[in-house]
C-alpha atoms as a PDB file:
ATOM      1  CA  UNK A   1       0.000   0.000   0.000  1.00  0.00           C
ATOM      2  CA  UNK A   2       1.402   3.444  -0.919  1.00  0.00           C
ATOM      3  CA  UNK A   3       2.759   5.425   2.060  1.00  0.00           C
ATOM      4  CA  UNK A   4       0.437   8.383   1.467  1.00  0.00           C
ATOM      5  CA  UNK A   5      -2.589   6.047   1.625  1.00  0.00           C
ATOM      6  CA  UNK A   6      -1.372   4.541   4.892  1.00  0.00           C
ATOM      7  CA  UNK A   7      -0.981   8.057   6.250  1.00  0.00           C
ATOM      8  CA  UNK A   8      -4.517   8.961   5.160  1.00  0.00           C
ATOM      9  CA  UNK A   9      -5.941   5.835   6.824  1.00  0.00           C
ATOM     10  CA  UNK A  10      -3.995   6.616   9.989  1.00  0.00           C
ATOM     11  CA  UNK A  11      -5.361  10.161  10.077  1.00  0.00           C
ATOM     12  CA  UNK A  12      -8.933   8.901   9.585  1.00  0.00           C
ATOM     13  CA  UNK A  13      -8.539   6.286  12.330  1.00  0.00           C
ATOM     14  CA  UNK A  14      -7.097   8.918  14.680  1.00  0.00           C
ATOM     15  CA  UNK A  15     -10.026  11.245  14.041  1.00  0.00           C
ATOM     16  CA  UNK A  16     -12.546   8.480  14.781  1.00  0.00           C
ATOM     17  CA  UNK A  17     -10.672   7.547  17.955  1.00  0.00           C
ATOM     18  CA  UNK A  18     -10.664  11.187  19.027  1.00  0.00           C
ATOM     19  CA  UNK A  19     -14.423  11.350  18.420  1.00  0.00           C
ATOM     20  CA  UNK A  20     -15.082   8.895  21.256  1.00  0.00           C
ATOM     21  CA  UNK A  21     -16.294  10.971  24.217  1.00  0.00           C
ATOM     22  CA  UNK A  22     -15.164   9.394  27.480  1.00  0.00           C
ATOM     23  CA  UNK A  23     -17.286  11.930  29.363  1.00  0.00           C
ATOM     24  CA  UNK A  24     -20.400  10.276  27.916  1.00  0.00           C
ATOM     25  CA  UNK A  25     -18.940   6.789  28.376  1.00  0.00           C
ATOM     26  CA  UNK A  26     -18.199   7.546  32.041  1.00  0.00           C
ATOM     27  CA  UNK A  27     -21.618   9.087  32.617  1.00  0.00           C
ATOM     28  CA  UNK A  28     -23.346   5.962  31.323  1.00  0.00           C
ATOM     29  CA  UNK A  29     -21.067   3.610  33.255  1.00  0.00           C
ATOM     30  CA  UNK A  30     -21.604   5.492  36.534  1.00  0.00           C
ATOM     31  CA  UNK A  31     -25.281   6.261  35.978  1.00  0.00           C
ATOM     32  CA  UNK A  32     -24.884  10.036  35.708  1.00  0.00           C
ATOM     33  CA  UNK A  33     -26.724  12.617  33.658  1.00  0.00           C
ATOM     34  CA  UNK A  34     -25.404  13.612  30.246  1.00  0.00           C
ATOM     35  CA  UNK A  35     -22.639  16.183  30.968  1.00  0.00           C
ATOM     36  CA  UNK A  36     -24.012  18.306  28.129  1.00  0.00           C
ATOM     37  CA  UNK A  37     -27.123  18.925  30.249  1.00  0.00           C
ATOM     38  CA  UNK A  38     -25.539  20.653  33.268  1.00  0.00           C
ATOM     39  CA  UNK A  39     -22.746  22.950  34.408  1.00  0.00           C
ATOM     40  CA  UNK A  40     -20.736  24.303  31.491  1.00  0.00           C
ATOM     41  CA  UNK A  41     -22.442  21.690  29.238  1.00  0.00           C
ATOM     42  CA  UNK A  42     -18.978  20.648  28.105  1.00  0.00           C
ATOM     43  CA  UNK A  43     -18.341  16.879  27.710  1.00  0.00           C
ATOM     44  CA  UNK A  44     -15.069  16.944  29.624  1.00  0.00           C
ATOM     45  CA  UNK A  45     -13.559  15.836  32.922  1.00  0.00           C
ATOM     46  CA  UNK A  46     -13.932  19.197  34.704  1.00  0.00           C
ATOM     47  CA  UNK A  47     -17.650  19.346  33.998  1.00  0.00           C
ATOM     48  CA  UNK A  48     -18.152  15.693  34.951  1.00  0.00           C
ATOM     49  CA  UNK A  49     -16.491  16.553  38.277  1.00  0.00           C
ATOM     50  CA  UNK A  50     -19.295  19.070  38.868  1.00  0.00           C
ATOM     51  CA  UNK A  51     -21.685  16.118  39.110  1.00  0.00           C
ATOM     52  CA  UNK A  52     -19.955  15.287  42.387  1.00  0.00           C
ATOM     53  CA  UNK A  53     -18.607  11.924  41.151  1.00  0.00           C
ATOM     54  CA  UNK A  54     -14.801  12.043  41.289  1.00  0.00           C
ATOM     55  CA  UNK A  55     -14.429   8.509  39.925  1.00  0.00           C
ATOM     56  CA  UNK A  56     -16.301   9.402  36.752  1.00  0.00           C
ATOM     57  CA  UNK A  57     -14.225  12.549  36.327  1.00  0.00           C
ATOM     58  CA  UNK A  58     -10.963  10.610  36.705  1.00  0.00           C
ATOM     59  CA  UNK A  59     -12.184   7.989  34.220  1.00  0.00           C
ATOM     60  CA  UNK A  60     -13.013  10.759  31.749  1.00  0.00           C
ATOM     61  CA  UNK A  61      -9.645  12.454  32.225  1.00  0.00           C
ATOM     62  CA  UNK A  62      -7.646   9.254  31.750  1.00  0.00           C
ATOM     63  CA  UNK A  63      -9.743   8.068  28.807  1.00  0.00           C
ATOM     64  CA  UNK A  64      -9.475  11.345  26.896  1.00  0.00           C
ATOM     65  CA  UNK A  65      -5.729  11.512  27.559  1.00  0.00           C
ATOM     66  CA  UNK A  66      -5.206   7.856  26.627  1.00  0.00           C
ATOM     67  CA  UNK A  67      -6.803   8.207  23.189  1.00  0.00           C
ATOM     68  CA  UNK A  68      -4.495  11.119  22.363  1.00  0.00           C
ATOM     69  CA  UNK A  69      -1.462   9.195  23.568  1.00  0.00           C
ATOM     70  CA  UNK A  70      -2.403   5.972  21.774  1.00  0.00           C
ATOM     71  CA  UNK A  71      -2.984   7.609  18.387  1.00  0.00           C
ATOM     72  CA  UNK A  72       0.367   9.420  18.383  1.00  0.00           C
ATOM     73  CA  UNK A  73       2.268   6.466  19.854  1.00  0.00           C
ATOM     74  CA  UNK A  74       1.011   4.137  17.120  1.00  0.00           C
ATOM     75  CA  UNK A  75       1.707   6.728  14.428  1.00  0.00           C
ATOM     76  CA  UNK A  76       5.280   7.182  15.676  1.00  0.00           C
ATOM     77  CA  UNK A  77       5.863   3.428  15.795  1.00  0.00           C
ATOM     78  CA  UNK A  78       4.413   2.503  12.418  1.00  0.00           C
ATOM     79  CA  UNK A  79       5.671   5.544  10.529  1.00  0.00           C
ATOM     80  CA  UNK A  80       9.221   4.355  11.211  1.00  0.00           C
ATOM     81  CA  UNK A  81       8.355   0.735  10.431  1.00  0.00           C
ATOM     82  CA  UNK A  82       6.685   1.504   7.096  1.00  0.00           C
ATOM     83  CA  UNK A  83       8.752   4.517   6.085  1.00  0.00           C
ATOM     84  CA  UNK A  84       5.851   6.968   6.189  1.00  0.00           C
ATOM     85  CA  UNK A  85       6.417  10.709   5.606  1.00  0.00           C
ATOM     86  CA  UNK A  86       7.811  12.783   8.472  1.00  0.00           C
ATOM     87  CA  UNK A  87       4.596  14.763   8.736  1.00  0.00           C
ATOM     88  CA  UNK A  88       2.501  11.662   9.519  1.00  0.00           C
ATOM     89  CA  UNK A  89       2.842  11.988  13.291  1.00  0.00           C
ATOM     90  CA  UNK A  90       1.888  15.662  13.189  1.00  0.00           C
ATOM     91  CA  UNK A  91      -1.208  14.961  11.075  1.00  0.00           C
ATOM     92  CA  UNK A  92      -2.300  12.130  13.366  1.00  0.00           C
ATOM     93  CA  UNK A  93      -1.795  14.351  16.412  1.00  0.00           C
ATOM     94  CA  UNK A  94      -4.025  17.012  14.855  1.00  0.00           C
ATOM     95  CA  UNK A  95      -6.618  14.436  13.772  1.00  0.00           C
ATOM     96  CA  UNK A  96      -7.116  12.846  17.197  1.00  0.00           C
ATOM     97  CA  UNK A  97      -7.206  16.263  18.863  1.00  0.00           C
ATOM     98  CA  UNK A  98      -9.728  17.778  16.460  1.00  0.00           C
ATOM     99  CA  UNK A  99     -11.710  14.556  16.631  1.00  0.00           C
ATOM    100  CA  UNK A 100     -12.224  15.311  20.305  1.00  0.00           C
ATOM    101  CA  UNK A 101     -13.148  18.937  19.608  1.00  0.00           C
ATOM    102  CA  UNK A 102     -15.458  18.141  16.690  1.00  0.00           C
ATOM    103  CA  UNK A 103     -16.570  14.497  17.077  1.00  0.00           C
ATOM    104  CA  UNK A 104     -18.634  12.991  14.294  1.00  0.00           C
ATOM    105  CA  UNK A 105     -20.550  10.902  16.870  1.00  0.00           C
ATOM    106  CA  UNK A 106     -21.793  14.003  18.731  1.00  0.00           C
ATOM    107  CA  UNK A 107     -22.770  16.228  15.851  1.00  0.00           C
ATOM    108  CA  UNK A 108     -19.303  17.852  15.788  1.00  0.00           C
ATOM    109  CA  UNK A 109     -19.813  19.373  19.263  1.00  0.00           C
ATOM    110  CA  UNK A 110     -17.138  18.008  21.559  1.00  0.00           C
ATOM    111  CA  UNK A 111     -14.962  18.942  24.500  1.00  0.00           C
ATOM    112  CA  UNK A 112     -12.232  21.515  24.881  1.00  0.00           C
ATOM    113  CA  UNK A 113      -9.363  19.094  24.360  1.00  0.00           C
ATOM    114  CA  UNK A 114      -7.135  19.653  27.396  1.00  0.00           C
ATOM    115  CA  UNK A 115      -6.758  15.993  28.396  1.00  0.00           C
ATOM    116  CA  UNK A 116      -6.440  14.801  24.794  1.00  0.00           C
ATOM    117  CA  UNK A 117      -3.782  17.440  24.107  1.00  0.00           C
ATOM    118  CA  UNK A 118      -1.891  16.270  27.206  1.00  0.00           C
ATOM    119  CA  UNK A 119      -1.917  12.702  25.908  1.00  0.00           C
ATOM    120  CA  UNK A 120      -0.709  13.865  22.497  1.00  0.00           C
ATOM    121  CA  UNK A 121       2.187  15.825  24.011  1.00  0.00           C
ATOM    122  CA  UNK A 122       3.204  12.925  26.263  1.00  0.00           C
ATOM    123  CA  UNK A 123       3.367  10.644  23.225  1.00  0.00           C
ATOM    124  CA  UNK A 124       5.357  13.149  21.161  1.00  0.00           C
ATOM    125  CA  UNK A 125       7.911  13.606  23.921  1.00  0.00           C
ATOM    126  CA  UNK A 126       7.447  12.621  27.543  1.00  0.00           C
ATOM    127  CA  UNK A 127       9.451  15.593  28.859  1.00  0.00           C
ATOM    128  CA  UNK A 128       7.444  18.032  26.779  1.00  0.00           C
ATOM    129  CA  UNK A 129       4.241  16.440  28.058  1.00  0.00           C
ATOM    130  CA  UNK A 130       5.377  16.469  31.686  1.00  0.00           C
ATOM    131  CA  UNK A 131       6.517  20.099  31.492  1.00  0.00           C
ATOM    132  CA  UNK A 132       3.156  21.185  30.034  1.00  0.00           C
ATOM    133  CA  UNK A 133       1.204  19.004  32.459  1.00  0.00           C
ATOM    134  CA  UNK A 134       3.244  20.376  35.353  1.00  0.00           C
ATOM    135  CA  UNK A 135       2.360  23.904  34.251  1.00  0.00           C
ATOM    136  CA  UNK A 136      -1.336  23.015  34.231  1.00  0.00           C
ATOM    137  CA  UNK A 137      -1.177  21.344  37.653  1.00  0.00           C
ATOM    138  CA  UNK A 138       0.693  24.262  39.222  1.00  0.00           C
ATOM    139  CA  UNK A 139      -1.824  26.862  38.018  1.00  0.00           C
ATOM    140  CA  UNK A 140      -4.816  24.636  38.803  1.00  0.00           C
ATOM    141  CA  UNK A 141      -3.677  23.892  42.349  1.00  0.00           C
ATOM    142  CA  UNK A 142      -2.658  27.436  43.195  1.00  0.00           C
ATOM    143  CA  UNK A 143      -5.509  29.388  41.581  1.00  0.00           C
ATOM    144  CA  UNK A 144      -8.211  26.667  41.344  1.00  0.00           C
ATOM    145  CA  UNK A 145      -9.261  27.611  37.823  1.00  0.00           C
ATOM    146  CA  UNK A 146      -9.145  24.748  35.328  1.00  0.00           C
ATOM    147  CA  UNK A 147      -9.677  27.088  32.375  1.00  0.00           C
ATOM    148  CA  UNK A 148      -6.870  29.437  33.398  1.00  0.00           C
ATOM    149  CA  UNK A 149      -4.551  26.467  33.886  1.00  0.00           C
ATOM    150  CA  UNK A 150      -5.432  25.265  30.380  1.00  0.00           C
ATOM    151  CA  UNK A 151      -4.781  28.692  28.865  1.00  0.00           C
ATOM    152  CA  UNK A 152      -1.380  29.028  30.544  1.00  0.00           C
ATOM    153  CA  UNK A 153      -0.369  25.466  29.633  1.00  0.00           C
ATOM    154  CA  UNK A 154      -1.527  25.953  26.018  1.00  0.00           C
ATOM    155  CA  UNK A 155       0.624  29.070  25.765  1.00  0.00           C
ATOM    156  CA  UNK A 156       3.614  27.325  27.330  1.00  0.00           C
ATOM    157  CA  UNK A 157       3.533  24.142  25.215  1.00  0.00           C
ATOM    158  CA  UNK A 158       4.773  25.623  21.899  1.00  0.00           C
ATOM    159  CA  UNK A 159       7.405  27.619  23.786  1.00  0.00           C
ATOM    160  CA  UNK A 160       8.697  24.396  25.353  1.00  0.00           C
ATOM    161  CA  UNK A 161       8.602  22.722  21.920  1.00  0.00           C
ATOM    162  CA  UNK A 162      10.595  25.497  20.233  1.00  0.00           C
ATOM    163  CA  UNK A 163      13.198  25.374  22.997  1.00  0.00           C
ATOM    164  CA  UNK A 164      13.489  21.603  22.509  1.00  0.00           C
ATOM    165  CA  UNK A 165      13.389  21.277  18.701  1.00  0.00           C
ATOM    166  CA  UNK A 166      13.663  24.697  17.137  1.00  0.00           C
ATOM    167  CA  UNK A 167      11.633  24.848  13.918  1.00  0.00           C
ATOM    168  CA  UNK A 168      10.904  21.164  13.270  1.00  0.00           C
ATOM    169  CA  UNK A 169       7.568  20.293  11.657  1.00  0.00           C
ATOM    170  CA  UNK A 170       6.030  18.798  14.793  1.00  0.00           C
ATOM    171  CA  UNK A 171       6.287  22.210  16.446  1.00  0.00           C
ATOM    172  CA  UNK A 172       3.764  23.535  13.915  1.00  0.00           C
ATOM    173  CA  UNK A 173       1.262  20.853  14.917  1.00  0.00           C
ATOM    174  CA  UNK A 174       1.776  21.697  18.590  1.00  0.00           C
ATOM    175  CA  UNK A 175       1.254  25.380  17.824  1.00  0.00           C
ATOM    176  CA  UNK A 176      -2.023  24.658  16.010  1.00  0.00           C
ATOM    177  CA  UNK A 177      -3.255  22.549  18.929  1.00  0.00           C
ATOM    178  CA  UNK A 178      -2.342  25.338  21.354  1.00  0.00           C
ATOM    179  CA  UNK A 179      -4.182  27.985  19.342  1.00  0.00           C
ATOM    180  CA  UNK A 180      -7.259  25.749  19.114  1.00  0.00           C
ATOM    181  CA  UNK A 181      -7.172  25.218  22.891  1.00  0.00           C
ATOM    182  CA  UNK A 182      -7.040  28.949  23.498  1.00  0.00           C
ATOM    183  CA  UNK A 183      -9.886  29.507  21.051  1.00  0.00           C
ATOM    184  CA  UNK A 184     -12.024  26.856  22.763  1.00  0.00           C
ATOM    185  CA  UNK A 185     -11.413  28.569  26.108  1.00  0.00           C
ATOM    186  CA  UNK A 186     -12.205  32.091  24.903  1.00  0.00           C
ATOM    187  CA  UNK A 187     -15.593  32.210  26.713  1.00  0.00           C
ATOM    188  CA  UNK A 188     -13.805  31.048  29.867  1.00  0.00           C
ATOM    189  CA  UNK A 189     -11.286  33.858  29.484  1.00  0.00           C
ATOM    190  CA  UNK A 190     -14.132  36.362  29.264  1.00  0.00           C
ATOM    191  CA  UNK A 191     -15.692  34.931  32.437  1.00  0.00           C
ATOM    192  CA  UNK A 192     -12.311  35.029  34.176  1.00  0.00           C
ATOM    193  CA  UNK A 193     -12.005  38.707  33.356  1.00  0.00           C
ATOM    194  CA  UNK A 194     -15.569  39.278  34.591  1.00  0.00           C
ATOM    195  CA  UNK A 195     -14.939  37.312  37.797  1.00  0.00           C
ATOM    196  CA  UNK A 196     -17.715  34.803  37.087  1.00  0.00           C
ATOM    197  CA  UNK A 197     -15.680  31.729  36.117  1.00  0.00           C
ATOM    198  CA  UNK A 198     -16.384  28.754  38.460  1.00  0.00           C
ATOM    199  CA  UNK A 199     -13.451  27.239  40.302  1.00  0.00           C
ATOM    200  CA  UNK A 200     -12.511  23.564  40.296  1.00  0.00           C
ATOM    201  CA  UNK A 201     -14.997  21.584  42.372  1.00  0.00           C
ATOM    202  CA  UNK A 202     -17.361  24.535  42.638  1.00  0.00           C
ATOM    203  CA  UNK A 203     -20.663  22.707  43.141  1.00  0.00           C
ATOM    204  CA  UNK A 204     -22.531  25.872  44.084  1.00  0.00           C
ATOM    205  CA  UNK A 205     -21.685  27.526  40.778  1.00  0.00           C
ATOM    206  CA  UNK A 206     -22.474  24.315  38.927  1.00  0.00           C
ATOM    207  CA  UNK A 207     -25.946  24.323  40.423  1.00  0.00           C
ATOM    208  CA  UNK A 208     -26.438  27.893  39.301  1.00  0.00           C
ATOM    209  CA  UNK A 209     -25.501  26.803  35.788  1.00  0.00           C
ATOM    210  CA  UNK A 210     -28.005  23.967  35.797  1.00  0.00           C
ATOM    211  CA  UNK A 211     -26.269  20.984  37.410  1.00  0.00           C
ATOM    212  CA  UNK A 212     -28.303  18.868  39.809  1.00  0.00           C
ATOM    213  CA  UNK A 213     -26.187  16.371  41.770  1.00  0.00           C
ATOM    214  CA  UNK A 214     -27.982  13.189  42.817  1.00  0.00           C
ATOM    215  CA  UNK A 215     -27.951  14.007  46.524  1.00  0.00           C
ATOM    216  CA  UNK A 216     -29.541  17.387  45.974  1.00  0.00           C
ATOM    217  CA  UNK A 217     -32.241  15.907  43.765  1.00  0.00           C
ATOM    218  CA  UNK A 218     -32.994  13.170  46.305  1.00  0.00           C
ATOM    219  CA  UNK A 219     -33.205  15.689  49.126  1.00  0.00           C
ATOM    220  CA  UNK A 220     -35.682  17.760  47.135  1.00  0.00           C
ATOM    221  CA  UNK A 221     -37.930  14.736  46.541  1.00  0.00           C
ATOM    222  CA  UNK A 222     -37.885  13.763  50.229  1.00  0.00           C
ATOM    223  CA  UNK A 223     -38.705  17.321  51.278  1.00  0.00           C
ATOM    224  CA  UNK A 224     -41.673  17.391  48.915  1.00  0.00           C
ATOM    225  CA  UNK A 225     -42.985  14.102  50.293  1.00  0.00           C
ATOM    226  CA  UNK A 226     -42.733  15.330  53.882  1.00  0.00           C
ATOM    227  CA  UNK A 227     -44.602  18.516  52.962  1.00  0.00           C
ATOM    228  CA  UNK A 228     -47.357  16.479  51.305  1.00  0.00           C
ATOM    229  CA  UNK A 229     -47.880  14.217  54.365  1.00  0.00           C
ATOM    230  CA  UNK A 230     -47.933  17.177  56.763  1.00  0.00           C
ATOM    231  CA  UNK A 231     -50.967  18.707  55.046  1.00  0.00           C
END
């Protein structure tokens, strides 16, 4: 099979893999509401966390990161084995990432891509991935804003890549991913500037945005029953 056709098939497979939403998979496995129906309505780990189920959020985070890592890892391995063009890994990285952002299975309305981008970077180079992930963790733990952490990490990633490789082609792919991440978080940036962006684990804000954790819903039903019997 011609190398360009193998590359095209790899890109298509990466896009389809990226289109799998682990936020929806986790919600069904753990019996939660569709994450597109509450909070920020984003099918991602941070919004799943607003449901109050940490296990589901961790599952979502690891699943979204794993699909990014797997696609790029396989592309790196087989591109060397089959002598595919140098740009194959970069195209696959973009395909799995944009598959998450614009999944065919969800009407092209996906997540914001932070976890998938982290998996992609870890597969490209573990030190690049760890440096970017460390940047995200530092900002998230100190300021408690997932969106701000994503914006800072997205800005830092191409800087780290340039310092490591100069002007190699993979740096362009990383730059495109970073710009897309920033674009996806533009509404969050506006809320940050307005002081209305919810912090990590902010259940109160999630409720204001439409989330209804199971305990709160159950409490409301019990209260209504007690009121009915007291009449």
